[in-house]
Amino acid sequence: KFSPDSHPNFVPIPEEYSNRKGHYLQKETWQAFQKMYAHAAQDTITLTIISSTRNFDVQKTIWEAKWTGERTVEDGQNLAETQPDFAKRARIILRYSSMPSTSRHHWGTDLDINALNNKYFESGKGLEEYNWLKAHAAEYGFCQPYTKKDSTRPNGYNEEKWHWSYKPLAEQYTRQASLRLKDQMISGFLGSETAEDIKVVDNYILGIDHSCL
């Protein structure tokens, strides 16, 4: 619940590194990304930031648009029409979108790169970009929090090959969330009452790949 454009720890991202004006990251995240960007460019890989810091209000807009059916989810469902059960509705949104107050994008440590579609990263140029990130992102402190679900990551959001997190800062916030954030604190938006039943802190904030812990 803050504005990154007026917070002293955050800096604007130049358009040459992003898809539009208005992106912000924490200074340390931004410095690390610049170094990673330069290395990728040397290898003819372009890394474009398409989503960065999102505060509570921005995340609330995304969440509530899906909750009310103003925006359909990835399989084309209008959830207000197809999911009268609030917990089921929330879980569908939580495949790819966080509840306000729980998104890693609040922290200024996380960014989405190049596309918001796993299929893009499975062939051609997208596959080259993803393979480069898997090979080199850790050198600059970045990890992929939402890998494919398996026995080591059974809970949380679905795989997001585009989402990368600056671990040196993000792991501190993850630790604080595990110690201090309770499901009953999550409020102020439609459907927030489902957070306790779903155990959002344990299953989603902490349901990340071991490389980001």
N, C-alpha and C. Protein backbone atom coordinates (compact mmCIF):
# COMPACT_ATOMS: atom_id res chain seq x y z
N LYS A 1 0.85 -1.19 0.00
CA LYS A 1 0.00 0.00 0.00
C LYS A 1 0.88 1.24 0.00
N PHE A 2 1.57 1.44 -1.09
CA PHE A 2 2.49 2.55 -1.26
C PHE A 2 2.59 2.87 -2.75
N SER A 3 3.23 3.97 -3.06
CA SER A 3 3.44 4.34 -4.46
C SER A 3 4.92 4.26 -4.79
N PRO A 4 5.34 3.35 -5.66
CA PRO A 4 6.77 3.22 -5.96
C PRO A 4 7.38 4.48 -6.56
N ASP A 5 6.56 5.31 -7.22
CA ASP A 5 7.11 6.52 -7.83
C ASP A 5 7.51 7.58 -6.81
N SER A 6 7.10 7.39 -5.55
CA SER A 6 7.50 8.35 -4.51
C SER A 6 8.25 7.70 -3.37
N HIS A 7 8.62 6.43 -3.53
CA HIS A 7 9.34 5.71 -2.48
C HIS A 7 10.85 5.81 -2.74
N PRO A 8 11.65 6.16 -1.72
CA PRO A 8 13.09 6.39 -1.96
C PRO A 8 13.88 5.16 -2.39
N ASN A 9 13.37 3.96 -2.14
CA ASN A 9 14.10 2.74 -2.52
C ASN A 9 13.85 2.32 -3.97
N PHE A 10 12.93 3.01 -4.65
CA PHE A 10 12.52 2.59 -5.98
C PHE A 10 12.98 3.58 -7.04
N VAL A 11 13.26 3.05 -8.22
CA VAL A 11 13.70 3.89 -9.35
C VAL A 11 12.88 3.53 -10.58
N PRO A 12 12.66 4.51 -11.48
CA PRO A 12 11.96 4.22 -12.73
C PRO A 12 12.87 3.48 -13.70
N ILE A 13 12.26 2.63 -14.51
CA ILE A 13 13.01 1.84 -15.48
C ILE A 13 12.96 2.54 -16.84
N PRO A 14 14.10 2.83 -17.45
CA PRO A 14 14.11 3.48 -18.77
C PRO A 14 13.38 2.63 -19.81
N GLU A 15 12.74 3.30 -20.75
CA GLU A 15 11.93 2.58 -21.74
C GLU A 15 12.76 1.63 -22.61
N GLU A 16 14.04 1.89 -22.75
CA GLU A 16 14.85 0.99 -23.58
C GLU A 16 14.94 -0.41 -22.99
N TYR A 17 14.65 -0.55 -21.71
CA TYR A 17 14.70 -1.85 -21.04
C TYR A 17 13.31 -2.46 -20.83
N SER A 18 12.27 -1.75 -21.25
CA SER A 18 10.91 -2.18 -20.91
C SER A 18 9.97 -1.94 -22.08
N ASN A 19 8.73 -2.34 -21.88
CA ASN A 19 7.75 -2.23 -22.97
C ASN A 19 6.91 -0.96 -22.89
N ARG A 20 7.11 -0.15 -21.83
CA ARG A 20 6.32 1.07 -21.67
C ARG A 20 6.90 1.92 -20.54
N LYS A 21 6.40 3.14 -20.42
CA LYS A 21 6.73 3.97 -19.27
C LYS A 21 6.02 3.46 -18.02
N GLY A 22 6.56 3.82 -16.87
CA GLY A 22 5.84 3.56 -15.63
C GLY A 22 6.29 2.35 -14.84
N HIS A 23 7.35 1.68 -15.29
CA HIS A 23 7.88 0.55 -14.54
C HIS A 23 8.83 1.04 -13.44
N TYR A 24 8.76 0.39 -12.28
CA TYR A 24 9.66 0.70 -11.16
C TYR A 24 10.18 -0.59 -10.55
N LEU A 25 11.42 -0.52 -10.05
CA LEU A 25 12.02 -1.62 -9.28
C LEU A 25 12.81 -1.01 -8.13
N GLN A 26 13.09 -1.84 -7.14
CA GLN A 26 14.03 -1.40 -6.12
C GLN A 26 15.40 -1.17 -6.78
N LYS A 27 16.15 -0.23 -6.25
CA LYS A 27 17.43 0.15 -6.84
C LYS A 27 18.35 -1.05 -7.03
N GLU A 28 18.45 -1.88 -6.00
CA GLU A 28 19.37 -3.02 -6.08
C GLU A 28 18.93 -4.02 -7.13
N THR A 29 17.62 -4.25 -7.23
CA THR A 29 17.09 -5.13 -8.28
C THR A 29 17.43 -4.58 -9.66
N TRP A 30 17.21 -3.29 -9.83
CA TRP A 30 17.45 -2.64 -11.11
C TRP A 30 18.92 -2.72 -11.50
N GLN A 31 19.83 -2.49 -10.57
CA GLN A 31 21.25 -2.56 -10.86
C GLN A 31 21.65 -3.97 -11.31
N ALA A 32 21.09 -4.98 -10.64
CA ALA A 32 21.39 -6.36 -11.01
C ALA A 32 20.83 -6.69 -12.38
N PHE A 33 19.62 -6.21 -12.66
CA PHE A 33 19.02 -6.48 -13.97
C PHE A 33 19.83 -5.85 -15.09
N GLN A 34 20.32 -4.64 -14.89
CA GLN A 34 21.14 -3.99 -15.92
C GLN A 34 22.35 -4.84 -16.29
N LYS A 35 23.00 -5.41 -15.31
CA LYS A 35 24.16 -6.26 -15.57
C LYS A 35 23.75 -7.51 -16.33
N MET A 36 22.62 -8.11 -15.92
CA MET A 36 22.14 -9.30 -16.62
C MET A 36 21.73 -8.95 -18.05
N TYR A 37 21.09 -7.82 -18.23
CA TYR A 37 20.67 -7.37 -19.55
C TYR A 37 21.88 -7.23 -20.48
N ALA A 38 22.95 -6.62 -19.97
CA ALA A 38 24.15 -6.40 -20.79
C ALA A 38 24.78 -7.71 -21.22
N HIS A 39 24.85 -8.67 -20.30
CA HIS A 39 25.41 -9.99 -20.63
C HIS A 39 24.54 -10.67 -21.68
N ALA A 40 23.22 -10.61 -21.49
CA ALA A 40 22.32 -11.24 -22.46
C ALA A 40 22.49 -10.60 -23.84
N ALA A 41 22.62 -9.28 -23.89
CA ALA A 41 22.77 -8.59 -25.17
C ALA A 41 24.03 -9.04 -25.90
N GLN A 42 25.10 -9.30 -25.15
CA GLN A 42 26.33 -9.81 -25.75
C GLN A 42 26.10 -11.17 -26.41
N ASP A 43 25.13 -11.91 -25.89
CA ASP A 43 24.79 -13.23 -26.44
C ASP A 43 23.60 -13.16 -27.38
N THR A 44 23.29 -11.95 -27.87
CA THR A 44 22.18 -11.68 -28.80
C THR A 44 20.82 -12.06 -28.23
N ILE A 45 20.67 -11.92 -26.93
CA ILE A 45 19.40 -12.16 -26.25
C ILE A 45 18.90 -10.83 -25.70
N THR A 46 17.66 -10.50 -25.99
CA THR A 46 17.06 -9.26 -25.48
C THR A 46 16.09 -9.59 -24.34
N LEU A 47 16.28 -8.94 -23.21
CA LEU A 47 15.41 -9.13 -22.06
C LEU A 47 14.61 -7.84 -21.84
N THR A 48 13.32 -7.91 -22.05
CA THR A 48 12.45 -6.74 -21.92
C THR A 48 11.52 -6.90 -20.73
N ILE A 49 11.53 -5.93 -19.83
CA ILE A 49 10.65 -5.95 -18.67
C ILE A 49 9.25 -5.57 -19.11
N ILE A 50 8.27 -6.47 -18.88
CA ILE A 50 6.90 -6.17 -19.26
C ILE A 50 5.98 -6.03 -18.04
N SER A 51 6.48 -6.38 -16.87
CA SER A 51 5.76 -6.09 -15.62
C SER A 51 6.79 -6.04 -14.51
N SER A 52 6.57 -5.13 -13.57
CA SER A 52 7.56 -4.94 -12.50
C SER A 52 6.82 -4.75 -11.18
N THR A 53 7.05 -3.63 -10.50
CA THR A 53 6.40 -3.40 -9.22
C THR A 53 4.92 -3.10 -9.42
N ARG A 54 4.08 -3.81 -8.66
CA ARG A 54 2.64 -3.53 -8.64
C ARG A 54 2.23 -3.36 -7.18
N ASN A 55 1.68 -2.23 -6.83
CA ASN A 55 1.28 -2.04 -5.44
C ASN A 55 -0.09 -2.66 -5.18
N PHE A 56 -0.60 -2.49 -3.97
CA PHE A 56 -1.86 -3.11 -3.57
C PHE A 56 -2.99 -2.72 -4.52
N ASP A 57 -3.09 -1.44 -4.85
CA ASP A 57 -4.20 -0.97 -5.66
C ASP A 57 -4.18 -1.56 -7.06
N VAL A 58 -3.00 -1.66 -7.65
CA VAL A 58 -2.90 -2.26 -8.99
C VAL A 58 -3.27 -3.74 -8.93
N GLN A 59 -2.77 -4.44 -7.92
CA GLN A 59 -3.09 -5.86 -7.79
C GLN A 59 -4.58 -6.06 -7.51
N LYS A 60 -5.17 -5.17 -6.74
CA LYS A 60 -6.61 -5.24 -6.45
C LYS A 60 -7.41 -5.11 -7.75
N THR A 61 -6.99 -4.21 -8.62
CA THR A 61 -7.69 -4.03 -9.90
C THR A 61 -7.65 -5.31 -10.72
N ILE A 62 -6.48 -5.94 -10.78
CA ILE A 62 -6.33 -7.20 -11.54
C ILE A 62 -7.20 -8.28 -10.93
N TRP A 63 -7.10 -8.44 -9.61
CA TRP A 63 -7.84 -9.50 -8.91
C TRP A 63 -9.34 -9.33 -9.06
N GLU A 64 -9.83 -8.12 -8.79
CA GLU A 64 -11.27 -7.91 -8.78
C GLU A 64 -11.87 -7.98 -10.18
N ALA A 65 -11.09 -7.63 -11.20
CA ALA A 65 -11.59 -7.78 -12.57
C ALA A 65 -11.85 -9.25 -12.88
N LYS A 66 -10.99 -10.13 -12.40
CA LYS A 66 -11.20 -11.57 -12.59
C LYS A 66 -12.32 -12.07 -11.68
N TRP A 67 -12.38 -11.55 -10.47
CA TRP A 67 -13.39 -11.99 -9.51
C TRP A 67 -14.80 -11.68 -10.00
N THR A 68 -14.99 -10.50 -10.57
CA THR A 68 -16.32 -10.08 -11.01
C THR A 68 -16.67 -10.53 -12.42
N GLY A 69 -15.71 -11.10 -13.14
CA GLY A 69 -15.97 -11.52 -14.51
C GLY A 69 -15.74 -10.44 -15.54
N GLU A 70 -15.34 -9.25 -15.09
CA GLU A 70 -15.01 -8.18 -16.04
C GLU A 70 -13.87 -8.63 -16.95
N ARG A 71 -13.00 -9.46 -16.40
CA ARG A 71 -11.89 -10.03 -17.16
C ARG A 71 -11.95 -11.55 -17.02
N THR A 72 -11.97 -12.26 -18.14
CA THR A 72 -12.03 -13.71 -18.06
C THR A 72 -10.66 -14.27 -17.68
N VAL A 73 -10.66 -15.48 -17.14
CA VAL A 73 -9.39 -16.13 -16.80
C VAL A 73 -8.87 -16.87 -18.02
N GLU A 74 -7.72 -17.57 -17.83
CA GLU A 74 -6.98 -18.07 -18.99
C GLU A 74 -7.75 -19.05 -19.86
N ASP A 75 -8.74 -19.74 -19.30
CA ASP A 75 -9.52 -20.68 -20.13
C ASP A 75 -10.83 -20.05 -20.62
N GLY A 76 -10.92 -18.73 -20.53
CA GLY A 76 -12.07 -18.02 -21.06
C GLY A 76 -13.28 -17.96 -20.15
N GLN A 77 -13.13 -18.40 -18.91
CA GLN A 77 -14.25 -18.39 -17.98
C GLN A 77 -14.56 -17.00 -17.44
N ASN A 78 -15.85 -16.69 -17.34
CA ASN A 78 -16.32 -15.57 -16.55
C ASN A 78 -16.64 -16.16 -15.18
N LEU A 79 -15.76 -15.95 -14.22
CA LEU A 79 -15.88 -16.65 -12.94
C LEU A 79 -17.11 -16.24 -12.15
N ALA A 80 -17.59 -15.02 -12.33
CA ALA A 80 -18.80 -14.60 -11.62
C ALA A 80 -20.00 -15.44 -12.06
N GLU A 81 -19.95 -15.96 -13.28
CA GLU A 81 -21.04 -16.79 -13.80
C GLU A 81 -20.82 -18.27 -13.56
N THR A 82 -19.57 -18.72 -13.63
CA THR A 82 -19.31 -20.17 -13.59
C THR A 82 -18.91 -20.69 -12.22
N GLN A 83 -18.50 -19.81 -11.28
CA GLN A 83 -18.00 -20.27 -9.98
C GLN A 83 -18.66 -19.53 -8.82
N PRO A 84 -19.86 -20.00 -8.42
CA PRO A 84 -20.51 -19.37 -7.27
C PRO A 84 -19.82 -19.66 -5.94
N ASP A 85 -19.07 -20.76 -5.89
CA ASP A 85 -18.31 -21.09 -4.68
C ASP A 85 -17.08 -20.18 -4.61
N PHE A 86 -17.02 -19.32 -3.58
CA PHE A 86 -15.97 -18.32 -3.52
C PHE A 86 -14.57 -18.92 -3.41
N ALA A 87 -14.41 -19.99 -2.64
CA ALA A 87 -13.08 -20.60 -2.49
C ALA A 87 -12.60 -21.17 -3.82
N LYS A 88 -13.50 -21.82 -4.55
CA LYS A 88 -13.13 -22.37 -5.86
C LYS A 88 -12.78 -21.24 -6.83
N ARG A 89 -13.54 -20.16 -6.76
CA ARG A 89 -13.27 -19.02 -7.63
C ARG A 89 -11.88 -18.45 -7.34
N ALA A 90 -11.58 -18.30 -6.05
CA ALA A 90 -10.27 -17.76 -5.67
C ALA A 90 -9.14 -18.66 -6.15
N ARG A 91 -9.30 -19.97 -6.00
CA ARG A 91 -8.23 -20.90 -6.41
C ARG A 91 -7.97 -20.83 -7.90
N ILE A 92 -9.00 -20.62 -8.69
CA ILE A 92 -8.81 -20.49 -10.14
C ILE A 92 -8.01 -19.23 -10.45
N ILE A 93 -8.37 -18.12 -9.82
CA ILE A 93 -7.61 -16.89 -10.04
C ILE A 93 -6.17 -17.07 -9.59
N LEU A 94 -5.99 -17.81 -8.50
CA LEU A 94 -4.65 -18.02 -7.94
C LEU A 94 -3.77 -18.94 -8.78
N ARG A 95 -4.29 -19.46 -9.87
CA ARG A 95 -3.39 -20.21 -10.75
C ARG A 95 -2.26 -19.30 -11.24
N TYR A 96 -2.61 -18.04 -11.54
CA TYR A 96 -1.60 -17.12 -12.09
C TYR A 96 -1.60 -15.73 -11.46
N SER A 97 -2.62 -15.36 -10.70
CA SER A 97 -2.70 -14.01 -10.13
C SER A 97 -2.76 -14.07 -8.62
N SER A 98 -2.02 -13.19 -7.97
CA SER A 98 -1.95 -13.16 -6.51
C SER A 98 -3.06 -12.32 -5.90
N MET A 99 -3.43 -12.69 -4.67
CA MET A 99 -4.29 -11.81 -3.89
C MET A 99 -3.51 -10.54 -3.55
N PRO A 100 -4.17 -9.40 -3.57
CA PRO A 100 -3.52 -8.18 -3.07
C PRO A 100 -2.99 -8.40 -1.65
N SER A 101 -1.83 -7.86 -1.39
CA SER A 101 -1.06 -8.02 -0.13
C SER A 101 -0.14 -9.23 -0.16
N THR A 102 -0.27 -10.11 -1.15
CA THR A 102 0.55 -11.33 -1.16
C THR A 102 1.46 -11.45 -2.37
N SER A 103 1.39 -10.53 -3.31
CA SER A 103 2.16 -10.65 -4.55
C SER A 103 3.63 -10.31 -4.33
N ARG A 104 4.51 -11.09 -4.91
CA ARG A 104 5.92 -10.76 -4.90
C ARG A 104 6.20 -9.47 -5.69
N HIS A 105 5.30 -9.12 -6.58
CA HIS A 105 5.47 -7.88 -7.35
C HIS A 105 5.31 -6.64 -6.47
N HIS A 106 4.76 -6.79 -5.25
CA HIS A 106 4.71 -5.65 -4.32
C HIS A 106 6.11 -5.23 -3.89
N TRP A 107 7.05 -6.15 -3.93
CA TRP A 107 8.33 -5.96 -3.25
C TRP A 107 9.37 -5.18 -4.04
N GLY A 108 9.16 -5.01 -5.33
CA GLY A 108 10.18 -4.35 -6.15
C GLY A 108 11.35 -5.24 -6.48
N THR A 109 11.16 -6.54 -6.27
CA THR A 109 12.22 -7.52 -6.50
C THR A 109 11.92 -8.43 -7.69
N ASP A 110 10.70 -8.39 -8.17
CA ASP A 110 10.25 -9.37 -9.15
C ASP A 110 9.82 -8.69 -10.44
N LEU A 111 10.09 -9.36 -11.55
CA LEU A 111 9.77 -8.80 -12.85
C LEU A 111 9.37 -9.91 -13.81
N ASP A 112 8.54 -9.54 -14.76
CA ASP A 112 8.13 -10.44 -15.83
C ASP A 112 8.87 -10.03 -17.09
N ILE A 113 9.37 -11.03 -17.80
CA ILE A 113 10.26 -10.77 -18.93
C ILE A 113 9.68 -11.32 -20.24
N ASN A 114 9.58 -10.47 -21.23
CA ASN A 114 9.36 -10.80 -22.65
C ASN A 114 7.95 -11.27 -23.03
N ALA A 115 7.30 -12.11 -22.24
CA ALA A 115 5.97 -12.61 -22.60
C ALA A 115 5.31 -13.18 -21.35
N LEU A 116 3.98 -13.21 -21.36
CA LEU A 116 3.23 -13.78 -20.23
C LEU A 116 2.56 -15.07 -20.67
N ASN A 117 3.31 -15.90 -21.35
CA ASN A 117 2.76 -17.11 -21.94
C ASN A 117 3.83 -18.18 -21.95
N ASN A 118 3.61 -19.28 -21.24
CA ASN A 118 4.61 -20.34 -21.19
C ASN A 118 4.93 -20.89 -22.57
N LYS A 119 3.93 -20.95 -23.43
CA LYS A 119 4.13 -21.53 -24.77
C LYS A 119 5.18 -20.74 -25.56
N TYR A 120 5.22 -19.41 -25.35
CA TYR A 120 6.20 -18.59 -26.04
C TYR A 120 7.62 -19.07 -25.75
N PHE A 121 7.87 -19.54 -24.53
CA PHE A 121 9.21 -19.93 -24.12
C PHE A 121 9.54 -21.39 -24.43
N GLU A 122 8.69 -22.05 -25.18
CA GLU A 122 8.90 -23.48 -25.44
C GLU A 122 9.46 -23.77 -26.82
N SER A 123 9.64 -22.74 -27.65
CA SER A 123 10.20 -22.96 -28.99
C SER A 123 10.80 -21.67 -29.51
N GLY A 124 11.64 -21.79 -30.51
CA GLY A 124 12.18 -20.64 -31.21
C GLY A 124 12.92 -19.66 -30.31
N LYS A 125 12.70 -18.39 -30.59
CA LYS A 125 13.38 -17.32 -29.86
C LYS A 125 13.08 -17.37 -28.37
N GLY A 126 11.84 -17.65 -28.03
CA GLY A 126 11.46 -17.71 -26.62
C GLY A 126 12.20 -18.79 -25.86
N LEU A 127 12.39 -19.94 -26.50
CA LEU A 127 13.13 -21.03 -25.87
C LEU A 127 14.58 -20.63 -25.66
N GLU A 128 15.17 -19.94 -26.63
CA GLU A 128 16.54 -19.46 -26.48
C GLU A 128 16.66 -18.52 -25.28
N GLU A 129 15.68 -17.64 -25.16
CA GLU A 129 15.68 -16.68 -24.04
C GLU A 129 15.55 -17.39 -22.70
N TYR A 130 14.65 -18.36 -22.63
CA TYR A 130 14.44 -19.09 -21.38
C TYR A 130 15.67 -19.92 -21.02
N ASN A 131 16.26 -20.57 -22.00
CA ASN A 131 17.47 -21.35 -21.74
C ASN A 131 18.61 -20.46 -21.26
N TRP A 132 18.69 -19.25 -21.83
CA TRP A 132 19.72 -18.32 -21.38
C TRP A 132 19.48 -17.93 -19.93
N LEU A 133 18.26 -17.62 -19.59
CA LEU A 133 17.93 -17.25 -18.21
C LEU A 133 18.23 -18.39 -17.24
N LYS A 134 17.88 -19.59 -17.61
CA LYS A 134 18.16 -20.74 -16.73
C LYS A 134 19.66 -20.91 -16.53
N ALA A 135 20.43 -20.61 -17.57
CA ALA A 135 21.88 -20.80 -17.50
C ALA A 135 22.58 -19.66 -16.75
N HIS A 136 22.04 -18.43 -16.84
CA HIS A 136 22.81 -17.27 -16.37
C HIS A 136 22.14 -16.39 -15.33
N ALA A 137 20.82 -16.47 -15.17
CA ALA A 137 20.14 -15.53 -14.27
C ALA A 137 20.68 -15.60 -12.84
N ALA A 138 21.02 -16.79 -12.39
CA ALA A 138 21.52 -16.94 -11.01
C ALA A 138 22.83 -16.21 -10.80
N GLU A 139 23.60 -16.00 -11.86
CA GLU A 139 24.87 -15.26 -11.75
C GLU A 139 24.62 -13.83 -11.29
N TYR A 140 23.41 -13.33 -11.54
CA TYR A 140 23.07 -11.94 -11.19
C TYR A 140 22.06 -11.87 -10.04
N GLY A 141 21.83 -13.01 -9.40
CA GLY A 141 20.97 -13.05 -8.23
C GLY A 141 19.52 -13.37 -8.49
N PHE A 142 19.17 -13.71 -9.74
CA PHE A 142 17.77 -13.96 -10.08
C PHE A 142 17.44 -15.45 -10.08
N CYS A 143 16.22 -15.75 -9.64
CA CYS A 143 15.73 -17.13 -9.63
C CYS A 143 14.30 -17.14 -10.18
N GLN A 144 13.83 -18.32 -10.55
CA GLN A 144 12.47 -18.49 -11.06
C GLN A 144 11.60 -19.06 -9.95
N PRO A 145 10.74 -18.26 -9.32
CA PRO A 145 9.99 -18.76 -8.17
C PRO A 145 8.91 -19.77 -8.51
N TYR A 146 8.34 -19.66 -9.71
CA TYR A 146 7.22 -20.53 -10.05
C TYR A 146 7.61 -21.47 -11.19
N THR A 147 8.25 -22.55 -10.81
CA THR A 147 8.64 -23.59 -11.75
C THR A 147 7.48 -24.58 -11.90
N LYS A 148 7.68 -25.58 -12.71
CA LYS A 148 6.65 -26.59 -12.90
C LYS A 148 6.38 -27.29 -11.57
N LYS A 149 5.12 -27.51 -11.26
CA LYS A 149 4.78 -28.17 -10.00
C LYS A 149 5.18 -29.64 -10.02
N ASP A 150 5.72 -30.10 -8.90
CA ASP A 150 6.07 -31.51 -8.75
C ASP A 150 6.10 -31.81 -7.26
N SER A 151 6.72 -32.91 -6.88
CA SER A 151 6.74 -33.30 -5.47
C SER A 151 7.50 -32.32 -4.59
N THR A 152 8.43 -31.56 -5.18
CA THR A 152 9.18 -30.58 -4.39
C THR A 152 8.46 -29.23 -4.32
N ARG A 153 7.52 -29.00 -5.24
CA ARG A 153 6.71 -27.76 -5.22
C ARG A 153 5.27 -28.12 -5.57
N PRO A 154 4.57 -28.74 -4.64
CA PRO A 154 3.21 -29.21 -4.94
C PRO A 154 2.16 -28.11 -4.90
N ASN A 155 2.46 -27.01 -4.23
CA ASN A 155 1.47 -25.95 -4.02
C ASN A 155 1.87 -24.66 -4.71
N GLY A 156 0.94 -23.71 -4.72
CA GLY A 156 1.26 -22.39 -5.24
C GLY A 156 0.79 -22.15 -6.65
N TYR A 157 1.31 -21.10 -7.25
CA TYR A 157 0.91 -20.70 -8.59
C TYR A 157 1.43 -21.68 -9.63
N ASN A 158 0.78 -21.70 -10.78
CA ASN A 158 1.26 -22.53 -11.87
C ASN A 158 2.60 -22.00 -12.38
N GLU A 159 3.25 -22.81 -13.18
CA GLU A 159 4.55 -22.43 -13.73
C GLU A 159 4.46 -21.10 -14.48
N GLU A 160 5.46 -20.24 -14.24
CA GLU A 160 5.58 -18.97 -14.95
C GLU A 160 7.03 -18.81 -15.41
N LYS A 161 7.28 -19.14 -16.65
CA LYS A 161 8.65 -19.08 -17.16
C LYS A 161 9.13 -17.64 -17.35
N TRP A 162 8.20 -16.73 -17.30
CA TRP A 162 8.53 -15.31 -17.51
C TRP A 162 8.87 -14.57 -16.22
N HIS A 163 8.58 -15.16 -15.07
CA HIS A 163 8.67 -14.45 -13.79
C HIS A 163 10.00 -14.76 -13.11
N TRP A 164 10.79 -13.70 -12.85
CA TRP A 164 12.10 -13.85 -12.24
C TRP A 164 12.22 -12.92 -11.04
N SER A 165 12.90 -13.38 -10.02
CA SER A 165 12.92 -12.70 -8.73
C SER A 165 14.36 -12.45 -8.29
N TYR A 166 14.61 -11.26 -7.78
CA TYR A 166 15.95 -10.92 -7.29
C TYR A 166 16.09 -11.45 -5.86
N LYS A 167 16.76 -12.58 -5.75
CA LYS A 167 16.78 -13.34 -4.50
C LYS A 167 17.39 -12.61 -3.31
N PRO A 168 18.51 -11.87 -3.45
CA PRO A 168 19.11 -11.25 -2.26
C PRO A 168 18.14 -10.39 -1.45
N LEU A 169 17.19 -9.74 -2.12
CA LEU A 169 16.18 -8.98 -1.39
C LEU A 169 14.93 -9.82 -1.13
N ALA A 170 14.47 -10.53 -2.15
CA ALA A 170 13.20 -11.25 -2.04
C ALA A 170 13.21 -12.31 -0.95
N GLU A 171 14.35 -12.96 -0.73
CA GLU A 171 14.38 -13.99 0.31
C GLU A 171 14.19 -13.38 1.69
N GLN A 172 14.58 -12.12 1.87
CA GLN A 172 14.35 -11.45 3.14
C GLN A 172 12.85 -11.22 3.35
N TYR A 173 12.15 -10.81 2.29
CA TYR A 173 10.72 -10.56 2.40
C TYR A 173 9.95 -11.88 2.55
N THR A 174 10.42 -12.91 1.88
CA THR A 174 9.80 -14.23 2.04
C THR A 174 9.91 -14.69 3.49
N ARG A 175 11.07 -14.50 4.06
CA ARG A 175 11.28 -14.90 5.46
C ARG A 175 10.37 -14.10 6.39
N GLN A 176 10.27 -12.79 6.16
CA GLN A 176 9.40 -11.97 7.00
C GLN A 176 7.93 -12.36 6.85
N ALA A 177 7.53 -12.69 5.63
CA ALA A 177 6.15 -13.14 5.42
C ALA A 177 5.87 -14.41 6.19
N SER A 178 6.83 -15.34 6.19
CA SER A 178 6.63 -16.61 6.90
C SER A 178 6.53 -16.40 8.40
N LEU A 179 7.19 -15.36 8.92
CA LEU A 179 7.20 -15.10 10.35
C LEU A 179 6.05 -14.21 10.81
N ARG A 180 5.65 -13.25 9.96
CA ARG A 180 4.79 -12.19 10.45
C ARG A 180 3.43 -12.05 9.76
N LEU A 181 3.34 -12.50 8.52
CA LEU A 181 2.09 -12.32 7.78
C LEU A 181 1.14 -13.48 8.05
N LYS A 182 -0.07 -13.18 8.46
CA LYS A 182 -1.09 -14.18 8.74
C LYS A 182 -2.23 -14.05 7.74
N ASP A 183 -2.86 -15.18 7.43
CA ASP A 183 -3.93 -15.16 6.44
C ASP A 183 -5.04 -14.18 6.81
N GLN A 184 -5.34 -14.06 8.10
CA GLN A 184 -6.43 -13.19 8.52
C GLN A 184 -6.11 -11.71 8.35
N MET A 185 -4.83 -11.38 8.09
CA MET A 185 -4.47 -9.99 7.82
C MET A 185 -4.81 -9.57 6.40
N ILE A 186 -5.05 -10.52 5.53
CA ILE A 186 -5.25 -10.25 4.11
C ILE A 186 -6.69 -9.81 3.89
N SER A 187 -6.89 -8.55 3.54
CA SER A 187 -8.24 -8.00 3.46
C SER A 187 -8.26 -6.79 2.52
N GLY A 188 -9.47 -6.26 2.32
CA GLY A 188 -9.60 -5.02 1.57
C GLY A 188 -9.91 -5.20 0.10
N PHE A 189 -10.37 -6.40 -0.31
CA PHE A 189 -10.72 -6.64 -1.70
C PHE A 189 -11.76 -7.76 -1.76
N LEU A 190 -12.46 -7.86 -2.87
CA LEU A 190 -13.48 -8.89 -3.04
C LEU A 190 -12.86 -10.28 -2.96
N GLY A 191 -13.43 -11.14 -2.14
CA GLY A 191 -12.94 -12.51 -2.03
C GLY A 191 -11.85 -12.70 -1.00
N SER A 192 -11.50 -11.64 -0.28
CA SER A 192 -10.40 -11.76 0.70
C SER A 192 -10.74 -12.72 1.83
N GLU A 193 -12.04 -12.94 2.05
CA GLU A 193 -12.43 -13.84 3.14
C GLU A 193 -12.04 -15.29 2.89
N THR A 194 -11.62 -15.62 1.67
CA THR A 194 -11.21 -16.98 1.36
C THR A 194 -9.76 -17.26 1.73
N ALA A 195 -9.01 -16.23 2.08
CA ALA A 195 -7.56 -16.40 2.31
C ALA A 195 -7.26 -17.42 3.40
N GLU A 196 -8.04 -17.39 4.50
CA GLU A 196 -7.77 -18.32 5.60
C GLU A 196 -8.04 -19.76 5.19
N ASP A 197 -9.17 -20.01 4.52
CA ASP A 197 -9.51 -21.37 4.11
C ASP A 197 -8.47 -21.94 3.15
N ILE A 198 -7.97 -21.09 2.26
CA ILE A 198 -7.01 -21.53 1.25
C ILE A 198 -5.60 -21.63 1.81
N LYS A 199 -5.36 -20.96 2.95
CA LYS A 199 -4.01 -20.88 3.54
C LYS A 199 -3.03 -20.26 2.54
N VAL A 200 -3.35 -19.05 2.18
CA VAL A 200 -2.62 -18.37 1.11
C VAL A 200 -1.14 -18.17 1.45
N VAL A 201 -0.83 -17.84 2.70
CA VAL A 201 0.58 -17.62 3.05
C VAL A 201 1.38 -18.89 2.84
N ASP A 202 0.95 -19.99 3.41
CA ASP A 202 1.71 -21.24 3.30
C ASP A 202 1.73 -21.79 1.88
N ASN A 203 0.57 -21.78 1.23
CA ASN A 203 0.47 -22.46 -0.06
C ASN A 203 0.90 -21.62 -1.26
N TYR A 204 0.86 -20.29 -1.13
CA TYR A 204 1.17 -19.45 -2.28
C TYR A 204 2.41 -18.58 -2.06
N ILE A 205 2.44 -17.78 -1.00
CA ILE A 205 3.65 -16.96 -0.77
C ILE A 205 4.85 -17.86 -0.55
N LEU A 206 4.67 -18.94 0.18
CA LEU A 206 5.79 -19.84 0.47
C LEU A 206 5.86 -21.03 -0.48
N GLY A 207 4.94 -21.12 -1.41
CA GLY A 207 4.92 -22.24 -2.35
C GLY A 207 5.78 -21.97 -3.57
N ILE A 208 7.07 -21.71 -3.34
CA ILE A 208 7.97 -21.33 -4.42
C ILE A 208 9.07 -22.37 -4.62
N ASP A 209 9.76 -22.25 -5.72
CA ASP A 209 10.86 -23.17 -6.01
C ASP A 209 11.98 -23.03 -4.98
N HIS A 210 12.64 -24.15 -4.66
CA HIS A 210 13.69 -24.15 -3.63
C HIS A 210 14.85 -23.22 -3.99
N SER A 211 15.03 -22.91 -5.27
CA SER A 211 16.13 -22.04 -5.68
C SER A 211 15.93 -20.61 -5.20
N CYS A 212 14.69 -20.25 -4.84
CA CYS A 212 14.39 -18.90 -4.37
C CYS A 212 14.31 -18.81 -2.85
N LEU A 213 14.57 -19.90 -2.16
CA LEU A 213 14.49 -19.91 -0.71
C LEU A 213 15.87 -19.74 -0.09
